[in-house]
Amino acid sequence: MISFDTNLVIYAANASAPEQPAAAAFLQSLDTRRDVVVCELMLVEVLPQAAECTDIEPTHERREGCGLLHRAKSR
């Protein structure tokens, strides 16, 4: 079983963060695993950030980050 910290999701969604490539790669590496656990507290911390993904015309970076957030939430 594996879980991950909120910071990884935030970094993965922030294209300007120097940690973004590593954070995104780690989260993407979890895509095929069936033993990933998402803590409810992490969702509470991330959902307000994810709400910003509802812009009518999001930037490319925001769309990319939103995809990562939506995949993380669906786990």
Protein backbone atom coordinates (compact mmCIF):
# COMPACT_ATOMS: atom_id res chain seq x y z
CA MET A 1 0.00 0.00 0.00
CA ILE A 2 1.24 3.50 -0.82
CA SER A 3 -0.03 7.00 -0.13
CA PHE A 4 1.32 10.44 -0.95
CA ASP A 5 1.42 13.89 0.56
CA THR A 6 -0.65 16.89 -0.52
CA ASN A 7 2.50 18.74 -1.51
CA LEU A 8 3.14 16.25 -4.31
CA VAL A 9 -0.23 16.99 -5.88
CA ILE A 10 0.22 20.75 -5.55
CA TYR A 11 3.75 20.62 -6.99
CA ALA A 12 2.61 18.36 -9.84
CA ALA A 13 -0.12 20.85 -10.75
CA ASN A 14 2.19 23.90 -10.59
CA ALA A 15 4.10 24.12 -13.87
CA SER A 16 6.35 26.86 -12.49
CA ALA A 17 7.50 24.83 -9.46
CA PRO A 18 10.99 23.36 -9.78
CA GLU A 19 9.60 20.19 -8.16
CA GLN A 20 6.88 19.83 -10.81
CA PRO A 21 8.55 17.30 -13.15
CA ALA A 22 9.51 14.92 -10.34
CA ALA A 23 6.15 15.25 -8.57
CA ALA A 24 4.20 14.70 -11.80
CA ALA A 25 6.36 11.71 -12.74
CA PHE A 26 5.82 10.13 -9.33
CA LEU A 27 2.04 10.58 -9.45
CA GLN A 28 1.93 9.25 -13.02
CA SER A 29 3.92 6.21 -11.88
CA LEU A 30 1.01 5.37 -9.57
CA ASP A 31 -1.44 5.24 -12.47
CA THR A 32 -1.46 1.46 -12.86
CA ARG A 33 -1.12 0.54 -9.20
CA ARG A 34 -4.11 -0.82 -7.35
CA ASP A 35 -2.73 -0.23 -3.86
CA VAL A 36 -2.77 3.59 -3.77
CA VAL A 37 -4.51 5.19 -0.80
CA VAL A 38 -5.72 8.79 -0.82
CA CYS A 39 -6.22 10.31 2.61
CA GLU A 40 -9.41 12.35 3.10
CA LEU A 41 -7.35 15.17 4.63
CA MET A 42 -5.33 15.39 1.42
CA LEU A 43 -8.56 15.78 -0.57
CA VAL A 44 -9.75 18.54 1.77
CA GLU A 45 -6.47 20.34 1.22
CA VAL A 46 -6.42 19.84 -2.57
CA LEU A 47 -10.07 20.40 -3.51
CA PRO A 48 -9.97 24.19 -2.95
CA GLN A 49 -6.98 24.32 -5.31
CA ALA A 50 -8.79 22.07 -7.79
CA ALA A 51 -11.77 24.46 -7.78
CA GLU A 52 -9.56 26.91 -9.68
CA CYS A 53 -9.53 24.38 -12.54
CA THR A 54 -13.05 25.37 -13.52
CA ASP A 55 -11.96 28.51 -15.39
CA ILE A 56 -13.69 28.94 -18.74
CA GLU A 57 -10.38 29.21 -20.59
CA PRO A 58 -7.65 27.67 -18.43
CA THR A 59 -4.03 27.95 -19.52
CA HIS A 60 -2.24 24.88 -20.85
CA GLU A 61 -0.39 24.53 -17.54
CA ARG A 62 -3.60 24.70 -15.56
CA ARG A 63 -5.29 22.12 -17.80
CA GLU A 64 -2.32 19.80 -17.33
CA GLY A 65 -2.44 20.31 -13.56
CA CYS A 66 -6.18 19.79 -13.47
CA GLY A 67 -5.80 16.45 -15.21
CA LEU A 68 -3.35 15.35 -12.56
CA LEU A 69 -5.65 16.54 -9.80
CA HIS A 70 -8.65 14.74 -11.28
CA ARG A 71 -6.69 11.48 -11.63
CA ALA A 72 -5.47 11.81 -8.04
CA LYS A 73 -9.01 12.40 -6.77
CA SER A 74 -10.38 9.38 -8.60
CA ARG A 75 -8.04 6.98 -6.79
